[in-house]
Amino acid sequence: MPIFSVKTTASQERTVADMLAEKEMPEIQAVIAPDQLTSYVMVEATDGSVFARVLDEIPHARGVIQGSEGPAESPFSEVEHFLSPTPDVEGIAEGDIVELIAGPFKGEKARVQRIDEGKDQVTVELYEATVPIPVTVRGDQIRVLDSDER
């Protein structure tokens, strides 16, 4: 099934995606508004020209990206990486300086000692602790401040 790119107003991708999904048109199979992609919504539809007319009724939708012969189809390979979730520990390396942004140690700075990608957890050692104690936290509870790799 072809996938089409719909241009939107910046920061209105979710609104456009929700409105397209609510239309309940048989031509529209799926709608995705990935956070990594600004000003675009991806739509899986049987025919781009049919749902392109509906875009006139949706605020913040600017239109379907056009090719030489009508609405341009995007290959699945261009969209595929938006469909699989990325682990929260991606981009974190051992030795990085992080800040804990949730939990009992919120606001504390620490150094990454170990990363468990399978469990999406990071073991850190708090900087200002008198005795170095390893603390294991979820990957979404830290923010990288300084990385050794950069």
C-alpha atoms as a PDB file:
ATOM      1  CA  MET A   1       0.000   0.000   0.000  1.00  0.00           C
ATOM      2  CA  PRO A   2       1.500   3.399  -0.945  1.00  0.00           C
ATOM      3  CA  ILE A   3       2.664   5.888   1.690  1.00  0.00           C
ATOM      4  CA  PHE A   4       2.270   9.624   1.078  1.00  0.00           C
ATOM      5  CA  SER A   5       3.867  12.608   2.815  1.00  0.00           C
ATOM      6  CA  VAL A   6       1.554  15.419   3.882  1.00  0.00           C
ATOM      7  CA  LYS A   7       3.100  18.833   4.534  1.00  0.00           C
ATOM      8  CA  THR A   8       1.778  20.537   7.692  1.00  0.00           C
ATOM      9  CA  THR A   9       2.248  23.723   9.654  1.00  0.00           C
ATOM     10  CA  ALA A  10       5.155  23.413  12.113  1.00  0.00           C
ATOM     11  CA  SER A  11       4.156  21.916  15.479  1.00  0.00           C
ATOM     12  CA  GLN A  12       0.728  20.896  14.155  1.00  0.00           C
ATOM     13  CA  GLU A  13       1.657  17.388  12.987  1.00  0.00           C
ATOM     14  CA  ARG A  14      -0.341  15.623  15.742  1.00  0.00           C
ATOM     15  CA  THR A  15      -3.415  17.763  15.107  1.00  0.00           C
ATOM     16  CA  VAL A  16      -3.379  16.984  11.387  1.00  0.00           C
ATOM     17  CA  ALA A  17      -2.768  13.269  12.037  1.00  0.00           C
ATOM     18  CA  ASP A  18      -5.662  13.110  14.515  1.00  0.00           C
ATOM     19  CA  MET A  19      -8.026  14.898  12.126  1.00  0.00           C
ATOM     20  CA  LEU A  20      -7.061  12.598   9.248  1.00  0.00           C
ATOM     21  CA  ALA A  21      -7.641   9.534  11.426  1.00  0.00           C
ATOM     22  CA  GLU A  22     -11.057  10.843  12.516  1.00  0.00           C
ATOM     23  CA  LYS A  23     -12.215  11.195   8.891  1.00  0.00           C
ATOM     24  CA  GLU A  24     -12.771   7.416   8.713  1.00  0.00           C
ATOM     25  CA  MET A  25     -12.208   7.273   4.976  1.00  0.00           C
ATOM     26  CA  PRO A  26     -11.793   3.769   3.533  1.00  0.00           C
ATOM     27  CA  GLU A  27      -8.912   5.093   1.387  1.00  0.00           C
ATOM     28  CA  ILE A  28      -6.826   5.991   4.481  1.00  0.00           C
ATOM     29  CA  GLN A  29      -5.344   2.923   6.170  1.00  0.00           C
ATOM     30  CA  ALA A  30      -2.910   4.482   8.673  1.00  0.00           C
ATOM     31  CA  VAL A  31      -1.530   7.848   9.778  1.00  0.00           C
ATOM     32  CA  ILE A  32       1.757   8.455  11.608  1.00  0.00           C
ATOM     33  CA  ALA A  33       3.227  11.702  12.969  1.00  0.00           C
ATOM     34  CA  PRO A  34       6.708  10.776  14.253  1.00  0.00           C
ATOM     35  CA  ASP A  35       8.298  13.154  16.777  1.00  0.00           C
ATOM     36  CA  GLN A  36      11.570  13.141  14.816  1.00  0.00           C
ATOM     37  CA  LEU A  37       9.887  14.481  11.659  1.00  0.00           C
ATOM     38  CA  THR A  38       8.763  18.106  11.799  1.00  0.00           C
ATOM     39  CA  SER A  39       6.131  19.588   9.489  1.00  0.00           C
ATOM     40  CA  TYR A  40       5.209  16.231   7.916  1.00  0.00           C
ATOM     41  CA  VAL A  41       2.699  13.452   8.510  1.00  0.00           C
ATOM     42  CA  MET A  42       2.961  10.078   6.782  1.00  0.00           C
ATOM     43  CA  VAL A  43      -0.294   8.583   5.448  1.00  0.00           C
ATOM     44  CA  GLU A  44      -0.831   5.051   4.140  1.00  0.00           C
ATOM     45  CA  ALA A  45      -3.627   5.274   1.584  1.00  0.00           C
ATOM     46  CA  THR A  46      -4.932   3.434  -1.452  1.00  0.00           C
ATOM     47  CA  ASP A  47      -4.938   6.573  -3.617  1.00  0.00           C
ATOM     48  CA  GLY A  48      -3.227   9.879  -2.872  1.00  0.00           C
ATOM     49  CA  SER A  49      -5.478  11.989  -5.064  1.00  0.00           C
ATOM     50  CA  VAL A  50      -8.640  10.834  -3.244  1.00  0.00           C
ATOM     51  CA  PHE A  51      -7.540  11.851   0.235  1.00  0.00           C
ATOM     52  CA  ALA A  52      -5.752  14.960  -1.066  1.00  0.00           C
ATOM     53  CA  ARG A  53      -9.183  16.568  -1.525  1.00  0.00           C
ATOM     54  CA  VAL A  54      -9.931  15.952   2.171  1.00  0.00           C
ATOM     55  CA  LEU A  55      -6.843  17.941   3.162  1.00  0.00           C
ATOM     56  CA  ASP A  56      -8.611  21.145   2.064  1.00  0.00           C
ATOM     57  CA  GLU A  57     -10.987  20.672   5.020  1.00  0.00           C
ATOM     58  CA  ILE A  58      -8.210  20.120   7.584  1.00  0.00           C
ATOM     59  CA  PRO A  59      -6.615  23.181   9.146  1.00  0.00           C
ATOM     60  CA  HIS A  60      -2.784  23.199   9.194  1.00  0.00           C
ATOM     61  CA  ALA A  61      -2.568  20.612   6.364  1.00  0.00           C
ATOM     62  CA  ARG A  62      -0.708  22.200   3.459  1.00  0.00           C
ATOM     63  CA  GLY A  63      -1.063  19.367   0.941  1.00  0.00           C
ATOM     64  CA  VAL A  64       0.432  16.139  -0.335  1.00  0.00           C
ATOM     65  CA  ILE A  65       3.996  16.172  -1.646  1.00  0.00           C
ATOM     66  CA  GLN A  66       3.672  16.054  -5.430  1.00  0.00           C
ATOM     67  CA  GLY A  67       5.688  14.070  -7.934  1.00  0.00           C
ATOM     68  CA  SER A  68       5.768  14.466 -11.701  1.00  0.00           C
ATOM     69  CA  GLU A  69       2.523  12.496 -12.103  1.00  0.00           C
ATOM     70  CA  GLY A  70       0.464  13.475  -9.039  1.00  0.00           C
ATOM     71  CA  PRO A  71       0.965  12.673  -5.360  1.00  0.00           C
ATOM     72  CA  ALA A  72       4.441  11.225  -4.763  1.00  0.00           C
ATOM     73  CA  GLU A  73       4.686   7.858  -3.028  1.00  0.00           C
ATOM     74  CA  SER A  74       7.346   7.417  -0.351  1.00  0.00           C
ATOM     75  CA  PRO A  75       9.101   4.055  -0.283  1.00  0.00           C
ATOM     76  CA  PHE A  76       8.530   2.015   2.890  1.00  0.00           C
ATOM     77  CA  SER A  77      12.275   2.089   3.594  1.00  0.00           C
ATOM     78  CA  GLU A  78      12.030   5.860   4.241  1.00  0.00           C
ATOM     79  CA  VAL A  79       9.315   5.364   6.877  1.00  0.00           C
ATOM     80  CA  GLU A  80      10.365   2.047   8.428  1.00  0.00           C
ATOM     81  CA  HIS A  81      12.756   3.494  11.036  1.00  0.00           C
ATOM     82  CA  PHE A  82       9.922   5.633  12.498  1.00  0.00           C
ATOM     83  CA  LEU A  83       7.927   2.484  13.291  1.00  0.00           C
ATOM     84  CA  SER A  84      10.392   0.794  15.649  1.00  0.00           C
ATOM     85  CA  PRO A  85      10.953   2.345  19.082  1.00  0.00           C
ATOM     86  CA  THR A  86      14.466   3.359  20.057  1.00  0.00           C
ATOM     87  CA  PRO A  87      15.736   2.397  23.512  1.00  0.00           C
ATOM     88  CA  ASP A  88      16.108   5.233  26.032  1.00  0.00           C
ATOM     89  CA  VAL A  89      19.751   4.266  26.649  1.00  0.00           C
ATOM     90  CA  GLU A  90      20.688   4.840  22.999  1.00  0.00           C
ATOM     91  CA  GLY A  91      23.332   7.573  22.767  1.00  0.00           C
ATOM     92  CA  ILE A  92      24.559   7.018  26.327  1.00  0.00           C
ATOM     93  CA  ALA A  93      28.063   5.628  26.848  1.00  0.00           C
ATOM     94  CA  GLU A  94      30.031   4.464  29.881  1.00  0.00           C
ATOM     95  CA  GLY A  95      31.849   7.377  31.462  1.00  0.00           C
ATOM     96  CA  ASP A  96      29.238   9.990  30.434  1.00  0.00           C
ATOM     97  CA  ILE A  97      28.275  12.613  32.983  1.00  0.00           C
ATOM     98  CA  VAL A  98      24.495  12.581  33.490  1.00  0.00           C
ATOM     99  CA  GLU A  99      21.869  14.315  35.582  1.00  0.00           C
ATOM    100  CA  LEU A 100      19.086  12.303  37.169  1.00  0.00           C
ATOM    101  CA  ILE A 101      15.778  13.913  36.170  1.00  0.00           C
ATOM    102  CA  ALA A 102      13.410  11.643  38.128  1.00  0.00           C
ATOM    103  CA  GLY A 103      13.302   9.453  41.198  1.00  0.00           C
ATOM    104  CA  PRO A 104      14.736   9.933  44.695  1.00  0.00           C
ATOM    105  CA  PHE A 105      18.052  11.307  43.371  1.00  0.00           C
ATOM    106  CA  LYS A 106      16.460  13.914  41.075  1.00  0.00           C
ATOM    107  CA  GLY A 107      18.866  16.787  40.336  1.00  0.00           C
ATOM    108  CA  GLU A 108      21.986  14.790  41.268  1.00  0.00           C
ATOM    109  CA  LYS A 109      24.902  14.462  38.858  1.00  0.00           C
ATOM    110  CA  ALA A 110      26.481  11.072  38.248  1.00  0.00           C
ATOM    111  CA  ARG A 111      28.903   9.154  36.028  1.00  0.00           C
ATOM    112  CA  VAL A 112      27.642   6.206  33.956  1.00  0.00           C
ATOM    113  CA  GLN A 113      29.280   2.945  35.077  1.00  0.00           C
ATOM    114  CA  ARG A 114      27.302   0.306  33.155  1.00  0.00           C
ATOM    115  CA  ILE A 115      24.531   0.151  30.533  1.00  0.00           C
ATOM    116  CA  ASP A 116      22.001  -2.676  30.206  1.00  0.00           C
ATOM    117  CA  GLU A 117      20.322  -2.169  26.827  1.00  0.00           C
ATOM    118  CA  GLY A 118      18.134  -5.255  27.226  1.00  0.00           C
ATOM    119  CA  LYS A 119      16.481  -3.858  30.339  1.00  0.00           C
ATOM    120  CA  ASP A 120      16.840  -0.204  29.214  1.00  0.00           C
ATOM    121  CA  GLN A 121      18.668   0.582  32.478  1.00  0.00           C
ATOM    122  CA  VAL A 122      21.810   2.488  33.405  1.00  0.00           C
ATOM    123  CA  THR A 123      23.955   2.032  36.496  1.00  0.00           C
ATOM    124  CA  VAL A 124      25.460   5.319  37.663  1.00  0.00           C
ATOM    125  CA  GLU A 125      27.722   6.436  40.496  1.00  0.00           C
ATOM    126  CA  LEU A 126      26.651   9.643  42.230  1.00  0.00           C
ATOM    127  CA  TYR A 127      29.268  12.428  42.218  1.00  0.00           C
ATOM    128  CA  GLU A 128      28.640  14.018  45.593  1.00  0.00           C
ATOM    129  CA  ALA A 129      28.136  10.835  47.590  1.00  0.00           C
ATOM    130  CA  THR A 130      30.625  10.314  50.430  1.00  0.00           C
ATOM    131  CA  VAL A 131      30.771   6.600  49.665  1.00  0.00           C
ATOM    132  CA  PRO A 132      30.486   5.658  45.967  1.00  0.00           C
ATOM    133  CA  ILE A 133      27.299   3.638  45.680  1.00  0.00           C
ATOM    134  CA  PRO A 134      26.115   2.316  42.327  1.00  0.00           C
ATOM    135  CA  VAL A 135      22.490   3.247  41.585  1.00  0.00           C
ATOM    136  CA  THR A 136      20.515   1.600  38.770  1.00  0.00           C
ATOM    137  CA  VAL A 137      17.902   3.777  37.039  1.00  0.00           C
ATOM    138  CA  ARG A 138      15.764   3.549  33.905  1.00  0.00           C
ATOM    139  CA  GLY A 139      17.162   5.151  30.764  1.00  0.00           C
ATOM    140  CA  ASP A 140      14.383   7.746  30.634  1.00  0.00           C
ATOM    141  CA  GLN A 141      15.300   9.029  34.118  1.00  0.00           C
ATOM    142  CA  ILE A 142      18.631  10.553  33.080  1.00  0.00           C
ATOM    143  CA  ARG A 143      19.837  13.329  30.818  1.00  0.00           C
ATOM    144  CA  VAL A 144      23.362  13.356  29.358  1.00  0.00           C
ATOM    145  CA  LEU A 145      25.306  16.468  30.365  1.00  0.00           C
ATOM    146  CA  ASP A 146      28.785  15.613  29.074  1.00  0.00           C
ATOM    147  CA  SER A 147      29.844  12.725  26.892  1.00  0.00           C
ATOM    148  CA  ASP A 148      33.340  11.271  26.500  1.00  0.00           C
ATOM    149  CA  GLU A 149      32.603  10.508  22.828  1.00  0.00           C
ATOM    150  CA  ARG A 150      31.837  14.145  21.870  1.00  0.00           C
END
